[in-house]
C-alpha cells in the first residue's frame, strides 16, 4: 500500500490491488496543495466531516471518476442528495470493502457543509488495507478514548492534526500519540493558513523523545507503507 500526502488533511491511499482511496480531498483552493483536483483519481472518497476544507473537491472528483463516498450517515445522505453514490456508516461501525476494512471513530469537532447543511457528528477513520492499519483522526481535539482505540486496533500509522486553534496543537497531538500508541505518527492539518501555522519537526522531535517514531511527509510526497 502507498500513502500520499497532498497537505492539510488530504491523503491518498493506493492498495496493492490498485484501488485508490482519497480522504478529505481539499485541493483546488488549498494554497499548499501541489496538485489540483483534475490530476487526482479515486475509486473511493472518505469524508471525515462536512467542512469545506475537507469536503473540498470531492464532488468534482467523484463526478469524473464515479467514486463511491464513504462517510457518516447524515453526510452520506447529503452526498446522495447531490446525486452521488454513498455508503452510509456510523461511529463505531466497520465494513469490509473491496480494498479493505473501514471503521469510523469519534472526533471532537463540527460538521456543517458550505451550504449550511448540518452533517451530524465529525469522525475519524481507521483503514485496514494490505495488513496495515492507518488511523486518520479527522479534525479533532484530544480525547482519552484514543487510548482505547489503540488498544482495540494496533495502529501502524496515525495521521493527526497539529495546527491548533481548530484542532489539537502540538502538545495535545503528542499526548494523542502517547495514548493511541501507533507505530508511526504523521502530522497533518498545519501551515495551510497562517492561523494554523505549526512546526511539524517540533512535533516529530517531541514524539521521538517519547521513544516513538514520526515521519514528516512533504506536501505531495508518497511513501510505501
Protein backbone atom coordinates (compact mmCIF):
# COMPACT_ATOMS: atom_id res chain seq x y z
CA UNK A 1 0.00 0.00 0.00
CA UNK A 2 1.13 3.54 -0.75
CA UNK A 3 0.28 6.72 1.13
CA UNK A 4 0.45 10.15 -0.48
CA UNK A 5 0.01 13.45 1.37
CA UNK A 6 -1.44 16.42 -0.51
CA UNK A 7 -1.26 18.77 2.55
CA UNK A 8 -3.91 19.89 5.06
CA UNK A 9 -5.84 16.66 5.82
CA UNK A 10 -5.92 15.33 2.26
CA UNK A 11 -4.38 11.91 1.72
CA UNK A 12 -4.43 9.26 -0.98
CA UNK A 13 -4.05 5.55 -0.27
CA UNK A 14 -3.37 3.11 -3.07
CA UNK A 15 -3.98 -0.54 -2.23
CA UNK A 16 -1.96 -3.38 -3.72
CA UNK A 17 -4.93 -4.19 -5.99
CA UNK A 18 -4.71 -0.69 -7.48
CA UNK A 19 -7.82 0.71 -5.78
CA UNK A 20 -7.39 4.40 -4.89
CA UNK A 21 -8.93 5.89 -1.76
CA UNK A 22 -8.96 9.65 -1.13
CA UNK A 23 -9.53 11.19 2.30
CA UNK A 24 -10.76 14.79 2.62
CA UNK A 25 -9.60 15.94 -0.86
CA UNK A 26 -9.22 19.70 -0.36
CA UNK A 27 -7.03 20.62 -3.33
CA UNK A 28 -8.07 23.41 -5.72
CA UNK A 29 -8.48 26.15 -3.09
CA UNK A 30 -5.74 24.76 -0.88
CA UNK A 31 -2.71 27.10 -1.15
CA UNK A 32 -0.31 24.35 -0.06
CA UNK A 33 -1.54 21.51 -2.29
CA UNK A 34 0.91 20.61 -5.08
CA UNK A 35 -1.87 19.16 -7.26
CA UNK A 36 -5.30 20.17 -8.50
CA UNK A 37 -8.42 18.03 -8.47
CA UNK A 38 -8.25 17.19 -12.19
CA UNK A 39 -4.90 15.47 -11.53
CA UNK A 40 -6.35 13.07 -8.96
CA UNK A 41 -8.48 9.96 -9.46
CA UNK A 42 -10.41 7.99 -6.86
CA UNK A 43 -12.37 4.76 -6.63
CA UNK A 44 -13.47 5.74 -3.11
CA UNK A 45 -13.67 9.04 -1.25
CA UNK A 46 -13.79 9.10 2.54
CA UNK A 47 -15.03 12.28 4.21
CA UNK A 48 -14.38 12.80 7.92
CA UNK A 49 -16.83 15.71 8.11
CA UNK A 50 -18.61 18.33 6.02
CA UNK A 51 -16.43 21.43 6.36
CA UNK A 52 -15.35 22.99 3.08
CA UNK A 53 -11.66 22.34 3.70
CA UNK A 54 -12.41 18.60 3.93
CA UNK A 55 -15.33 18.14 1.54
CA UNK A 56 -13.11 20.16 -0.76
CA UNK A 57 -13.17 18.94 -4.36
CA UNK A 58 -14.82 15.62 -3.62
CA UNK A 59 -17.81 16.24 -5.90
CA UNK A 60 -15.62 17.25 -8.86
CA UNK A 61 -13.51 14.12 -8.49
CA UNK A 62 -16.46 11.79 -7.90
CA UNK A 63 -18.33 13.11 -10.93
CA UNK A 64 -15.34 12.39 -13.17
CA UNK A 65 -14.37 9.06 -11.58
CA UNK A 66 -17.77 7.70 -10.44
CA UNK A 67 -16.29 7.36 -6.96
CA UNK A 68 -18.12 5.81 -4.02
CA UNK A 69 -18.32 8.04 -0.94
CA UNK A 70 -17.81 6.50 2.50
CA UNK A 71 -18.88 8.65 5.43
CA UNK A 72 -21.14 9.18 8.41
CA UNK A 73 -24.83 8.50 7.80
CA UNK A 74 -26.09 12.09 7.62
CA UNK A 75 -23.18 13.25 5.50
CA UNK A 76 -23.70 10.26 3.21
CA UNK A 77 -27.36 11.25 2.84
CA UNK A 78 -26.24 14.76 1.87
CA UNK A 79 -23.86 13.30 -0.71
CA UNK A 80 -26.63 11.07 -2.10
CA UNK A 81 -28.98 14.04 -2.40
CA UNK A 82 -26.30 15.67 -4.57
CA UNK A 83 -26.58 12.71 -6.95
CA UNK A 84 -23.53 10.68 -5.89
CA UNK A 85 -23.13 7.10 -4.70
CA UNK A 86 -22.52 6.77 -0.98
CA UNK A 87 -22.07 4.07 1.63
CA UNK A 88 -23.65 5.15 4.91
CA UNK A 89 -21.83 4.34 8.15
CA UNK A 90 -21.84 5.49 11.76
CA UNK A 91 -19.45 5.91 14.68
CA UNK A 92 -18.09 2.57 15.89
CA UNK A 93 -19.30 0.70 12.82
CA UNK A 94 -17.00 -1.05 10.37
CA UNK A 95 -17.39 -2.60 6.93
CA UNK A 96 -15.31 -4.71 4.57
CA UNK A 97 -14.90 -3.04 1.20
CA UNK A 98 -13.14 -4.45 -1.85
CA UNK A 99 -9.89 -2.73 -0.87
CA UNK A 100 -10.03 -3.44 2.89
CA UNK A 101 -11.85 -2.62 6.11
CA UNK A 102 -13.11 0.80 7.23
CA UNK A 103 -14.12 1.73 10.79
CA UNK A 104 -15.34 5.16 11.92
CA UNK A 105 -14.28 6.62 15.25
CA UNK A 106 -15.37 9.61 17.26
CA UNK A 107 -13.80 13.03 16.71
CA UNK A 108 -14.47 16.24 18.64
CA UNK A 109 -15.16 19.00 16.12
CA UNK A 110 -18.09 20.26 13.98
CA UNK A 111 -19.57 19.25 10.63
CA UNK A 112 -21.51 21.96 8.78
CA UNK A 113 -21.28 21.86 4.97
CA UNK A 114 -20.50 25.03 2.97
CA UNK A 115 -24.19 25.33 2.03
CA UNK A 116 -25.25 25.14 5.70
CA UNK A 117 -26.34 21.51 5.84
CA UNK A 118 -25.70 20.07 9.30
CA UNK A 119 -23.87 16.83 8.59
CA UNK A 120 -24.13 15.46 12.15
CA UNK A 121 -21.01 14.38 14.02
CA UNK A 122 -17.50 14.51 12.63
CA UNK A 123 -15.47 11.32 12.59
CA UNK A 124 -12.07 9.78 12.39
CA UNK A 125 -11.43 6.69 10.30
CA UNK A 126 -9.33 3.55 10.64
CA UNK A 127 -8.47 1.80 7.39
CA UNK A 128 -7.02 -1.70 7.40
CA UNK A 129 -5.54 -2.40 3.98
CA UNK A 130 -2.96 -5.00 2.95
CA UNK A 131 -2.37 -5.92 6.58
CA UNK A 132 -1.63 -2.34 7.70
CA UNK A 133 -3.85 -0.08 9.83
CA UNK A 134 -3.98 3.66 9.19
CA UNK A 135 -5.82 5.91 11.67
CA UNK A 136 -6.80 9.29 10.20
CA UNK A 137 -8.17 11.16 13.21
CA UNK A 138 -10.02 13.80 11.20
CA UNK A 139 -10.24 17.25 12.75
CA UNK A 140 -10.34 16.69 16.48
CA UNK A 141 -9.28 17.78 19.89
CA UNK A 142 -7.56 15.40 22.26
CA UNK A 143 -9.74 12.72 23.88
CA UNK A 144 -8.82 9.90 26.22
CA UNK A 145 -10.60 7.22 24.19
CA UNK A 146 -7.67 7.39 21.76
CA UNK A 147 -6.04 5.01 24.23
CA UNK A 148 -8.95 2.59 23.82
CA UNK A 149 -8.80 2.92 20.03
CA UNK A 150 -5.12 1.96 20.12
CA UNK A 151 -5.81 -0.98 22.42
CA UNK A 152 -8.54 -2.41 20.17
CA UNK A 153 -6.62 -1.94 16.91
CA UNK A 154 -2.86 -1.94 16.55
CA UNK A 155 -2.28 1.30 14.66
CA UNK A 156 0.62 1.24 12.22
CA UNK A 157 0.24 4.85 11.04
CA UNK A 158 -1.58 7.64 12.87
CA UNK A 159 -2.37 10.80 10.87
CA UNK A 160 -3.24 13.61 13.25
CA UNK A 161 -3.63 17.41 13.26
CA UNK A 162 -1.09 19.68 14.92
CA UNK A 163 -2.21 23.15 13.73
CA UNK A 164 -4.06 24.19 16.90
CA UNK A 165 -6.92 26.73 17.02
CA UNK A 166 -9.47 24.45 15.24
CA UNK A 167 -7.88 21.14 16.30
CA UNK A 168 -5.20 19.76 18.56
CA UNK A 169 -1.96 21.68 18.75
CA UNK A 170 1.43 20.03 19.01
CA UNK A 171 1.35 19.41 22.76
CA UNK A 172 -2.02 17.67 22.66
CA UNK A 173 -1.12 15.81 19.47
CA UNK A 174 1.97 14.37 21.16
CA UNK A 175 -0.25 13.20 24.02
CA UNK A 176 -2.60 11.64 21.46
CA UNK A 177 0.32 9.63 20.11
CA UNK A 178 1.19 8.52 23.63
CA UNK A 179 -2.42 7.37 24.15
CA UNK A 180 -3.04 5.61 20.82
CA UNK A 181 0.50 4.18 20.65
CA UNK A 182 0.86 3.92 16.86
CA UNK A 183 3.99 2.53 15.25
CA UNK A 184 4.49 5.80 13.31
CA UNK A 185 2.87 9.24 13.77
CA UNK A 186 2.41 11.59 10.79
CA UNK A 187 1.35 15.22 11.38
CA UNK A 188 -1.31 16.93 9.25
CA UNK A 189 -3.61 19.98 9.22
CA UNK A 190 -0.92 22.63 9.62
CA UNK A 191 0.53 25.61 7.67
CA UNK A 192 -2.35 25.72 5.18
CA UNK A 193 -3.29 29.14 6.56
CA UNK A 194 -1.49 31.48 8.99
CA UNK A 195 -3.98 30.66 11.74
CA UNK A 196 -2.82 27.02 11.85
CA UNK A 197 0.91 27.58 11.46
CA UNK A 198 2.94 24.90 13.25
CA UNK A 199 6.35 23.27 13.03
CA UNK A 200 5.97 19.57 12.12
CA UNK A 201 9.59 18.92 13.01
CA UNK A 202 8.94 20.15 16.56
CA UNK A 203 6.14 17.58 16.72
CA UNK A 204 8.45 14.89 15.33
CA UNK A 205 11.14 15.75 17.89
CA UNK A 206 8.72 15.56 20.81
CA UNK A 207 7.27 12.24 19.60
CA UNK A 208 10.75 10.78 19.27
CA UNK A 209 11.55 11.96 22.81
CA UNK A 210 8.79 9.57 23.90
CA UNK A 211 10.68 6.75 22.20
CA UNK A 212 8.19 6.60 19.32
CA UNK A 213 8.59 7.12 15.57
CA UNK A 214 7.36 10.02 13.46
CA UNK A 215 7.55 10.90 9.77
CA UNK A 216 7.04 14.40 8.39
CA UNK A 217 5.67 13.96 4.88
CA UNK A 218 6.38 16.72 2.38
CA UNK A 219 3.36 18.07 0.51
CA UNK A 220 2.91 15.78 -2.50
CA UNK A 221 5.19 13.05 -1.12
CA UNK A 222 4.25 9.39 -1.45
CA UNK A 223 5.61 6.62 0.76
CA UNK A 224 5.31 2.83 0.80
CA UNK A 225 3.67 1.51 3.93
